[in-house]
């Protein structure tokens, strides 16, 4: 193979490799770059919102549990009253 062809193929290979690898190296460099401090404030605010929502959900679940207990007690009283009633009063 002539020297010019080898040099041309080497040049094309190097340029092609650069073109193909540049986006990968750029993305890797972006991941390694330190994040600004403003992002931490946003994350903290988001975390606080999530914690607040979780606490609200816990309160609602506790309230639903209390309502369910109350309903079960009412139904149990009604069944108990029906069981204890004389046969003619049912």
PDB file of N, CA and C in Angstrom:
ATOM      1  N   UNK A   1       0.841  -1.171   0.000  1.00  0.00           N
ATOM      2  CA  UNK A   1       0.000   0.000   0.000  1.00  0.00           C
ATOM      3  C   UNK A   1       0.893   1.244   0.000  1.00  0.00           C
ATOM      4  N   UNK A   2       0.568   2.241  -0.804  1.00  0.00           N
ATOM      5  CA  UNK A   2       1.407   3.442  -0.860  1.00  0.00           C
ATOM      6  C   UNK A   2       1.356   4.221   0.454  1.00  0.00           C
ATOM      7  N   UNK A   3       2.408   4.939   0.696  1.00  0.00           N
ATOM      8  CA  UNK A   3       2.518   5.720   1.936  1.00  0.00           C
ATOM      9  C   UNK A   3       1.419   6.760   2.052  1.00  0.00           C
ATOM     10  N   UNK A   4       1.046   7.350   0.943  1.00  0.00           N
ATOM     11  CA  UNK A   4       0.006   8.370   0.972  1.00  0.00           C
ATOM     12  C   UNK A   4      -1.338   7.780   1.408  1.00  0.00           C
ATOM     13  N   UNK A   5      -1.612   6.568   0.954  1.00  0.00           N
ATOM     14  CA  UNK A   5      -2.871   5.906   1.318  1.00  0.00           C
ATOM     15  C   UNK A   5      -2.882   5.578   2.812  1.00  0.00           C
ATOM     16  N   UNK A   6      -1.754   5.116   3.343  1.00  0.00           N
ATOM     17  CA  UNK A   6      -1.659   4.801   4.772  1.00  0.00           C
ATOM     18  C   UNK A   6      -1.833   6.077   5.592  1.00  0.00           C
ATOM     19  N   UNK A   7      -1.187   7.145   5.173  1.00  0.00           N
ATOM     20  CA  UNK A   7      -1.305   8.413   5.891  1.00  0.00           C
ATOM     21  C   UNK A   7      -2.747   8.923   5.838  1.00  0.00           C
ATOM     22  N   UNK A   8      -3.375   8.791   4.668  1.00  0.00           N
ATOM     23  CA  UNK A   8      -4.766   9.233   4.538  1.00  0.00           C
ATOM     24  C   UNK A   8      -5.691   8.399   5.427  1.00  0.00           C
ATOM     25  N   UNK A   9      -5.510   7.086   5.443  1.00  0.00           N
ATOM     26  CA  UNK A   9      -6.333   6.216   6.289  1.00  0.00           C
ATOM     27  C   UNK A   9      -6.119   6.520   7.771  1.00  0.00           C
ATOM     28  N   UNK A  10      -4.887   6.796   8.153  1.00  0.00           N
ATOM     29  CA  UNK A  10      -4.616   7.156   9.548  1.00  0.00           C
ATOM     30  C   UNK A  10      -5.323   8.463   9.900  1.00  0.00           C
ATOM     31  N   UNK A  11      -5.254   9.428   8.995  1.00  0.00           N
ATOM     32  CA  UNK A  11      -5.912  10.714   9.227  1.00  0.00           C
ATOM     33  C   UNK A  11      -7.429  10.536   9.352  1.00  0.00           C
ATOM     34  N   UNK A  12      -8.023   9.783   8.442  1.00  0.00           N
ATOM     35  CA  UNK A  12      -9.469   9.541   8.470  1.00  0.00           C
ATOM     36  C   UNK A  12      -9.849   8.805   9.748  1.00  0.00           C
ATOM     37  N   UNK A  13      -9.053   7.835  10.159  1.00  0.00           N
ATOM     38  CA  UNK A  13      -9.329   7.080  11.384  1.00  0.00           C
ATOM     39  C   UNK A  13      -9.263   7.993  12.601  1.00  0.00           C
ATOM     40  N   UNK A  14      -8.266   8.855  12.647  1.00  0.00           N
ATOM     41  CA  UNK A  14      -8.137   9.766  13.786  1.00  0.00           C
ATOM     42  C   UNK A  14      -9.298  10.755  13.829  1.00  0.00           C
ATOM     43  N   UNK A  15      -9.657  11.330  12.706  1.00  0.00           N
ATOM     44  CA  UNK A  15     -10.771  12.282  12.668  1.00  0.00           C
ATOM     45  C   UNK A  15     -12.079  11.572  13.006  1.00  0.00           C
ATOM     46  N   UNK A  16     -12.287  10.399  12.453  1.00  0.00           N
ATOM     47  CA  UNK A  16     -13.503   9.632  12.749  1.00  0.00           C
ATOM     48  C   UNK A  16     -13.590   9.262  14.222  1.00  0.00           C
ATOM     49  N   UNK A  17     -12.472   8.844  14.792  1.00  0.00           N
ATOM     50  CA  UNK A  17     -12.457   8.527  16.225  1.00  0.00           C
ATOM     51  C   UNK A  17     -12.764   9.744  17.070  1.00  0.00           C
ATOM     52  N   UNK A  18     -12.191  10.874  16.684  1.00  0.00           N
ATOM     53  CA  UNK A  18     -12.471  12.111  17.423  1.00  0.00           C
ATOM     54  C   UNK A  18     -13.946  12.471  17.334  1.00  0.00           C
ATOM     55  N   UNK A  19     -14.507  12.390  16.134  1.00  0.00           N
ATOM     56  CA  UNK A  19     -15.919  12.741  15.938  1.00  0.00           C
ATOM     57  C   UNK A  19     -16.816  11.797  16.730  1.00  0.00           C
ATOM     58  N   UNK A  20     -16.483  10.528  16.758  1.00  0.00           N
ATOM     59  CA  UNK A  20     -17.317   9.561  17.467  1.00  0.00           C
ATOM     60  C   UNK A  20     -17.152   9.634  18.983  1.00  0.00           C
ATOM     61  N   UNK A  21     -15.951   9.889  19.463  1.00  0.00           N
ATOM     62  CA  UNK A  21     -15.703   9.875  20.902  1.00  0.00           C
ATOM     63  C   UNK A  21     -15.944  11.216  21.582  1.00  0.00           C
ATOM     64  N   UNK A  22     -15.997  12.294  20.829  1.00  0.00           N
ATOM     65  CA  UNK A  22     -16.169  13.616  21.430  1.00  0.00           C
ATOM     66  C   UNK A  22     -17.433  13.713  22.283  1.00  0.00           C
ATOM     67  N   UNK A  23     -18.610  13.279  21.807  1.00  0.00           N
ATOM     68  CA  UNK A  23     -19.807  13.379  22.658  1.00  0.00           C
ATOM     69  C   UNK A  23     -19.701  12.543  23.935  1.00  0.00           C
ATOM     70  N   UNK A  24     -19.056  11.392  23.845  1.00  0.00           N
ATOM     71  CA  UNK A  24     -18.906  10.532  25.027  1.00  0.00           C
ATOM     72  C   UNK A  24     -18.007  11.207  26.056  1.00  0.00           C
ATOM     73  N   UNK A  25     -16.894  11.745  25.608  1.00  0.00           N
ATOM     74  CA  UNK A  25     -15.964  12.417  26.520  1.00  0.00           C
ATOM     75  C   UNK A  25     -16.613  13.669  27.101  1.00  0.00           C
ATOM     76  N   UNK A  26     -17.369  14.374  26.307  1.00  0.00           N
ATOM     77  CA  UNK A  26     -18.043  15.579  26.788  1.00  0.00           C
ATOM     78  C   UNK A  26     -19.079  15.235  27.867  1.00  0.00           C
ATOM     79  N   UNK A  27     -19.852  14.174  27.654  1.00  0.00           N
ATOM     80  CA  UNK A  27     -20.842  13.754  28.647  1.00  0.00           C
ATOM     81  C   UNK A  27     -20.158  13.302  29.932  1.00  0.00           C
ATOM     82  N   UNK A  28     -19.053  12.610  29.806  1.00  0.00           N
ATOM     83  CA  UNK A  28     -18.302  12.174  30.984  1.00  0.00           C
ATOM     84  C   UNK A  28     -17.758  13.373  31.753  1.00  0.00           C
ATOM     85  N   UNK A  29     -17.243  14.353  31.043  1.00  0.00           N
ATOM     86  CA  UNK A  29     -16.729  15.556  31.701  1.00  0.00           C
ATOM     87  C   UNK A  29     -17.851  16.307  32.409  1.00  0.00           C
ATOM     88  N   UNK A  30     -19.037  16.329  31.815  1.00  0.00           N
ATOM     89  CA  UNK A  30     -20.185  17.001  32.442  1.00  0.00           C
ATOM     90  C   UNK A  30     -20.582  16.301  33.735  1.00  0.00           C
ATOM     91  N   UNK A  31     -20.506  14.988  33.757  1.00  0.00           N
ATOM     92  CA  UNK A  31     -20.833  14.249  34.982  1.00  0.00           C
ATOM     93  C   UNK A  31     -19.801  14.486  36.079  1.00  0.00           C
ATOM     94  N   UNK A  32     -18.560  14.667  35.701  1.00  0.00           N
ATOM     95  CA  UNK A  32     -17.497  14.861  36.686  1.00  0.00           C
ATOM     96  C   UNK A  32     -17.441  16.288  37.214  1.00  0.00           C
ATOM     97  N   UNK A  33     -18.033  17.219  36.495  1.00  0.00           N
ATOM     98  CA  UNK A  33     -18.007  18.624  36.886  1.00  0.00           C
ATOM     99  C   UNK A  33     -18.778  18.812  38.195  1.00  0.00           C
ATOM    100  N   UNK A  34     -18.228  19.576  39.128  1.00  0.00           N
ATOM    101  CA  UNK A  34     -18.948  19.787  40.393  1.00  0.00           C
ATOM    102  C   UNK A  34     -20.235  20.564  40.169  1.00  0.00           C
ATOM    103  N   UNK A  35     -21.241  20.219  40.933  1.00  0.00           N
ATOM    104  CA  UNK A  35     -22.548  20.868  40.818  1.00  0.00           C
ATOM    105  C   UNK A  35     -22.553  22.168  41.609  1.00  0.00           C
ATOM    106  N   UNK A  36     -23.279  23.162  41.142  1.00  0.00           N
ATOM    107  CA  UNK A  36     -23.365  24.417  41.896  1.00  0.00           C
ATOM    108  C   UNK A  36     -24.160  24.215  43.185  1.00  0.00           C
ATOM    109  N   UNK A  37     -23.930  25.078  44.145  1.00  0.00           N
ATOM    110  CA  UNK A  37     -24.587  24.989  45.446  1.00  0.00           C
ATOM    111  C   UNK A  37     -26.079  25.270  45.353  1.00  0.00           C
ATOM    112  N   UNK A  38     -26.516  25.983  44.332  1.00  0.00           N
ATOM    113  CA  UNK A  38     -27.937  26.304  44.193  1.00  0.00           C
ATOM    114  C   UNK A  38     -28.763  25.034  44.048  1.00  0.00           C
ATOM    115  N   UNK A  39     -28.212  24.014  43.457  1.00  0.00           N
ATOM    116  CA  UNK A  39     -28.923  22.752  43.305  1.00  0.00           C
ATOM    117  C   UNK A  39     -29.225  22.112  44.640  1.00  0.00           C
ATOM    118  N   UNK A  40     -28.333  22.299  45.607  1.00  0.00           N
ATOM    119  CA  UNK A  40     -28.557  21.725  46.935  1.00  0.00           C
ATOM    120  C   UNK A  40     -29.749  22.386  47.612  1.00  0.00           C
ATOM    121  N   UNK A  41     -29.901  23.684  47.419  1.00  0.00           N
ATOM    122  CA  UNK A  41     -31.047  24.383  48.008  1.00  0.00           C
ATOM    123  C   UNK A  41     -32.353  23.873  47.416  1.00  0.00           C
ATOM    124  N   UNK A  42     -32.354  23.655  46.106  1.00  0.00           N
ATOM    125  CA  UNK A  42     -33.552  23.133  45.453  1.00  0.00           C
ATOM    126  C   UNK A  42     -33.868  21.733  45.951  1.00  0.00           C
ATOM    127  N   UNK A  43     -32.835  20.906  46.091  1.00  0.00           N
ATOM    128  CA  UNK A  43     -33.051  19.552  46.594  1.00  0.00           C
ATOM    129  C   UNK A  43     -33.561  19.568  48.027  1.00  0.00           C
ATOM    130  N   UNK A  44     -33.032  20.471  48.844  1.00  0.00           N
ATOM    131  CA  UNK A  44     -33.489  20.567  50.234  1.00  0.00           C
ATOM    132  C   UNK A  44     -34.948  21.011  50.280  1.00  0.00           C
ATOM    133  N   UNK A  45     -35.319  21.957  49.432  1.00  0.00           N
ATOM    134  CA  UNK A  45     -36.709  22.410  49.388  1.00  0.00           C
ATOM    135  C   UNK A  45     -37.626  21.277  48.927  1.00  0.00           C
ATOM    136  N   UNK A  46     -37.181  20.530  47.934  1.00  0.00           N
ATOM    137  CA  UNK A  46     -37.962  19.389  47.457  1.00  0.00           C
ATOM    138  C   UNK A  46     -38.102  18.337  48.545  1.00  0.00           C
ATOM    139  N   UNK A  47     -37.019  18.080  49.261  1.00  0.00           N
ATOM    140  CA  UNK A  47     -37.048  17.105  50.359  1.00  0.00           C
ATOM    141  C   UNK A  47     -38.019  17.555  51.442  1.00  0.00           C
ATOM    142  N   UNK A  48     -37.983  18.827  51.783  1.00  0.00           N
ATOM    143  CA  UNK A  48     -38.899  19.349  52.805  1.00  0.00           C
ATOM    144  C   UNK A  48     -40.353  19.193  52.363  1.00  0.00           C
ATOM    145  N   UNK A  49     -40.616  19.449  51.080  1.00  0.00           N
ATOM    146  CA  UNK A  49     -41.976  19.278  50.558  1.00  0.00           C
ATOM    147  C   UNK A  49     -42.422  17.821  50.650  1.00  0.00           C
ATOM    148  N   UNK A  50     -41.521  16.918  50.302  1.00  0.00           N
ATOM    149  CA  UNK A  50     -41.860  15.491  50.353  1.00  0.00           C
ATOM    150  C   UNK A  50     -42.112  15.050  51.789  1.00  0.00           C
ATOM    151  N   UNK A  51     -41.294  15.512  52.720  1.00  0.00           N
ATOM    152  CA  UNK A  51     -41.487  15.162  54.132  1.00  0.00           C
ATOM    153  C   UNK A  51     -42.817  15.707  54.631  1.00  0.00           C
ATOM    154  N   UNK A  52     -43.147  16.918  54.252  1.00  0.00           N
ATOM    155  CA  UNK A  52     -44.414  17.517  54.672  1.00  0.00           C
ATOM    156  C   UNK A  52     -45.600  16.720  54.112  1.00  0.00           C
ATOM    157  N   UNK A  53     -45.522  16.339  52.848  1.00  0.00           N
ATOM    158  CA  UNK A  53     -46.585  15.527  52.246  1.00  0.00           C
ATOM    159  C   UNK A  53     -46.698  14.179  52.951  1.00  0.00           C
ATOM    160  N   UNK A  54     -45.566  13.578  53.290  1.00  0.00           N
ATOM    161  CA  UNK A  54     -45.579  12.290  53.986  1.00  0.00           C
ATOM    162  C   UNK A  54     -46.239  12.418  55.350  1.00  0.00           C
ATOM    163  N   UNK A  55     -45.948  13.476  56.067  1.00  0.00           N
ATOM    164  CA  UNK A  55     -46.574  13.692  57.370  1.00  0.00           C
ATOM    165  C   UNK A  55     -48.081  13.884  57.222  1.00  0.00           C
ATOM    166  N   UNK A  56     -48.493  14.615  56.193  1.00  0.00           N
ATOM    167  CA  UNK A  56     -49.922  14.804  55.937  1.00  0.00           C
ATOM    168  C   UNK A  56     -50.588  13.463  55.644  1.00  0.00           C
ATOM    169  N   UNK A  57     -49.937  12.637  54.843  1.00  0.00           N
ATOM    170  CA  UNK A  57     -50.497  11.319  54.522  1.00  0.00           C
ATOM    171  C   UNK A  57     -50.601  10.457  55.775  1.00  0.00           C
ATOM    172  N   UNK A  58     -49.619  10.528  56.657  1.00  0.00           N
ATOM    173  CA  UNK A  58     -49.684   9.766  57.911  1.00  0.00           C
ATOM    174  C   UNK A  58     -50.880  10.206  58.742  1.00  0.00           C
ATOM    175  N   UNK A  59     -51.110  11.517  58.817  1.00  0.00           N
ATOM    176  CA  UNK A  59     -52.266  12.013  59.571  1.00  0.00           C
ATOM    177  C   UNK A  59     -53.568  11.502  58.962  1.00  0.00           C
ATOM    178  N   UNK A  60     -53.649  11.537  57.641  1.00  0.00           N
ATOM    179  CA  UNK A  60     -54.864  11.079  56.974  1.00  0.00           C
ATOM    180  C   UNK A  60     -55.082   9.582  57.179  1.00  0.00           C
ATOM    181  N   UNK A  61     -54.020   8.796  57.113  1.00  0.00           N
ATOM    182  CA  UNK A  61     -54.145   7.353  57.330  1.00  0.00           C
ATOM    183  C   UNK A  61     -54.569   7.077  58.768  1.00  0.00           C
ATOM    184  N   UNK A  62     -54.017   7.807  59.727  1.00  0.00           N
ATOM    185  CA  UNK A  62     -54.416   7.630  61.123  1.00  0.00           C
ATOM    186  C   UNK A  62     -55.888   7.988  61.305  1.00  0.00           C
ATOM    187  N   UNK A  63     -56.330   9.056  60.673  1.00  0.00           N
ATOM    188  CA  UNK A  63     -57.736   9.455  60.762  1.00  0.00           C
ATOM    189  C   UNK A  63     -58.639   8.393  60.136  1.00  0.00           C
ATOM    190  N   UNK A  64     -58.233   7.847  59.001  1.00  0.00           N
ATOM    191  CA  UNK A  64     -59.017   6.787  58.375  1.00  0.00           C
ATOM    192  C   UNK A  64     -59.074   5.547  59.264  1.00  0.00           C
ATOM    193  N   UNK A  65     -57.970   5.245  59.942  1.00  0.00           N
ATOM    194  CA  UNK A  65     -57.960   4.118  60.875  1.00  0.00           C
ATOM    195  C   UNK A  65     -58.939   4.335  62.016  1.00  0.00           C
ATOM    196  N   UNK A  66     -58.978   5.549  62.544  1.00  0.00           N
ATOM    197  CA  UNK A  66     -59.915   5.862  63.623  1.00  0.00           C
ATOM    198  C   UNK A  66     -61.358   5.735  63.133  1.00  0.00           C
ATOM    199  N   UNK A  67     -61.625   6.206  61.939  1.00  0.00           N
ATOM    200  CA  UNK A  67     -62.980   6.097  61.382  1.00  0.00           C
ATOM    201  C   UNK A  67     -63.370   4.636  61.181  1.00  0.00           C
ATOM    202  N   UNK A  68     -62.434   3.839  60.714  1.00  0.00           N
ATOM    203  CA  UNK A  68     -62.707   2.424  60.509  1.00  0.00           C
ATOM    204  C   UNK A  68     -62.991   1.733  61.847  1.00  0.00           C
ATOM    205  N   UNK A  69     -62.200   2.046  62.872  1.00  0.00           N
ATOM    206  CA  UNK A  69     -62.440   1.479  64.203  1.00  0.00           C
ATOM    207  C   UNK A  69     -63.822   1.872  64.714  1.00  0.00           C
ATOM    208  N   UNK A  70     -64.192   3.124  64.544  1.00  0.00           N
ATOM    209  CA  UNK A  70     -65.506   3.601  64.988  1.00  0.00           C
ATOM    210  C   UNK A  70     -66.621   2.844  64.265  1.00  0.00           C
ATOM    211  N   UNK A  71     -66.472   2.681  62.958  1.00  0.00           N
ATOM    212  CA  UNK A  71     -67.480   1.966  62.177  1.00  0.00           C
ATOM    213  C   UNK A  71     -67.575   0.510  62.613  1.00  0.00           C
ATOM    214  N   UNK A  72     -66.434  -0.119  62.856  1.00  0.00           N
ATOM    215  CA  UNK A  72     -66.449  -1.510  63.321  1.00  0.00           C
ATOM    216  C   UNK A  72     -67.147  -1.628  64.669  1.00  0.00           C
ATOM    217  N   UNK A  73     -66.919  -0.679  65.567  1.00  0.00           N
ATOM    218  CA  UNK A  73     -67.582  -0.712  66.877  1.00  0.00           C
ATOM    219  C   UNK A  73     -69.090  -0.557  66.726  1.00  0.00           C
ATOM    220  N   UNK A  74     -69.522   0.357  65.859  1.00  0.00           N
ATOM    221  CA  UNK A  74     -70.958   0.532  65.634  1.00  0.00           C
ATOM    222  C   UNK A  74     -71.594  -0.737  65.074  1.00  0.00           C
ATOM    223  N   UNK A  75     -70.927  -1.344  64.104  1.00  0.00           N
ATOM    224  CA  UNK A  75     -71.463  -2.573  63.525  1.00  0.00           C
ATOM    225  C   UNK A  75     -71.491  -3.700  64.548  1.00  0.00           C
ATOM    226  N   UNK A  76     -70.461  -3.779  65.376  1.00  0.00           N
ATOM    227  CA  UNK A  76     -70.426  -4.815  66.410  1.00  0.00           C
ATOM    228  C   UNK A  76     -71.550  -4.598  67.416  1.00  0.00           C
ATOM    229  N   UNK A  77     -71.810  -3.356  67.810  1.00  0.00           N
ATOM    230  CA  UNK A  77     -72.916  -3.066  68.735  1.00  0.00           C
ATOM    231  C   UNK A  77     -74.247  -3.458  68.115  1.00  0.00           C
ATOM    232  N   UNK A  78     -74.415  -3.156  66.837  1.00  0.00           N
ATOM    233  CA  UNK A  78     -75.663  -3.478  66.159  1.00  0.00           C
ATOM    234  C   UNK A  78     -75.854  -4.997  66.099  1.00  0.00           C
ATOM    235  N   UNK A  79     -74.817  -5.725  65.771  1.00  0.00           N
ATOM    236  CA  UNK A  79     -74.909  -7.184  65.718  1.00  0.00           C
ATOM    237  C   UNK A  79     -75.193  -7.758  67.101  1.00  0.00           C
ATOM    238  N   UNK A  80     -74.523  -7.210  68.109  1.00  0.00           N
ATOM    239  CA  UNK A  80     -74.712  -7.676  69.482  1.00  0.00           C
ATOM    240  C   UNK A  80     -76.149  -7.416  69.926  1.00  0.00           C
ATOM    241  N   UNK A  81     -76.684  -6.255  69.579  1.00  0.00           N
ATOM    242  CA  UNK A  81     -78.068  -5.934  69.949  1.00  0.00           C
ATOM    243  C   UNK A  81     -79.037  -6.872  69.235  1.00  0.00           C
ATOM    244  N   UNK A  82     -78.784  -7.190  67.978  1.00  0.00           N
ATOM    245  CA  UNK A  82     -79.649  -8.115  67.239  1.00  0.00           C
ATOM    246  C   UNK A  82     -79.577  -9.520  67.829  1.00  0.00           C
ATOM    247  N   UNK A  83     -78.414  -9.922  68.275  1.00  0.00           N
ATOM    248  CA  UNK A  83     -78.242 -11.258  68.848  1.00  0.00           C
ATOM    249  C   UNK A  83     -78.927 -11.376  70.195  1.00  0.00           C
ATOM    250  N   UNK A  84     -78.884 -10.317  70.985  1.00  0.00           N
ATOM    251  CA  UNK A  84     -79.441 -10.356  72.328  1.00  0.00           C
ATOM    252  C   UNK A  84     -80.931 -10.048  72.367  1.00  0.00           C
ATOM    253  N   UNK A  85     -81.487  -9.528  71.298  1.00  0.00           N
ATOM    254  CA  UNK A  85     -82.913  -9.172  71.283  1.00  0.00           C
ATOM    255  C   UNK A  85     -83.765 -10.439  71.350  1.00  0.00           C
ATOM    256  N   UNK A  86     -84.921 -10.350  71.990  1.00  0.00           N
ATOM    257  CA  UNK A  86     -85.818 -11.517  72.034  1.00  0.00           C
ATOM    258  C   UNK A  86     -86.254 -11.900  70.619  1.00  0.00           C
ATOM    259  N   UNK A  87     -86.581 -13.163  70.400  1.00  0.00           N
ATOM    260  CA  UNK A  87     -86.903 -13.627  69.051  1.00  0.00           C
ATOM    261  C   UNK A  87     -88.069 -12.886  68.407  1.00  0.00           C
ATOM    262  N   UNK A  88     -89.024 -12.427  69.140  1.00  0.00           N
ATOM    263  CA  UNK A  88     -90.174 -11.750  68.555  1.00  0.00           C
ATOM    264  C   UNK A  88     -89.880 -10.323  68.134  1.00  0.00           C
ATOM    265  N   UNK A  89     -88.813  -9.703  68.617  1.00  0.00           N
ATOM    266  CA  UNK A  89     -88.507  -8.296  68.330  1.00  0.00           C
ATOM    267  C   UNK A  89     -87.550  -8.109  67.155  1.00  0.00           C
ATOM    268  N   UNK A  90     -87.142  -9.145  66.545  1.00  0.00           N
ATOM    269  CA  UNK A  90     -86.148  -9.009  65.466  1.00  0.00           C
ATOM    270  C   UNK A  90     -86.741  -8.505  64.216  1.00  0.00           C
TER     271      UNK A  90
END
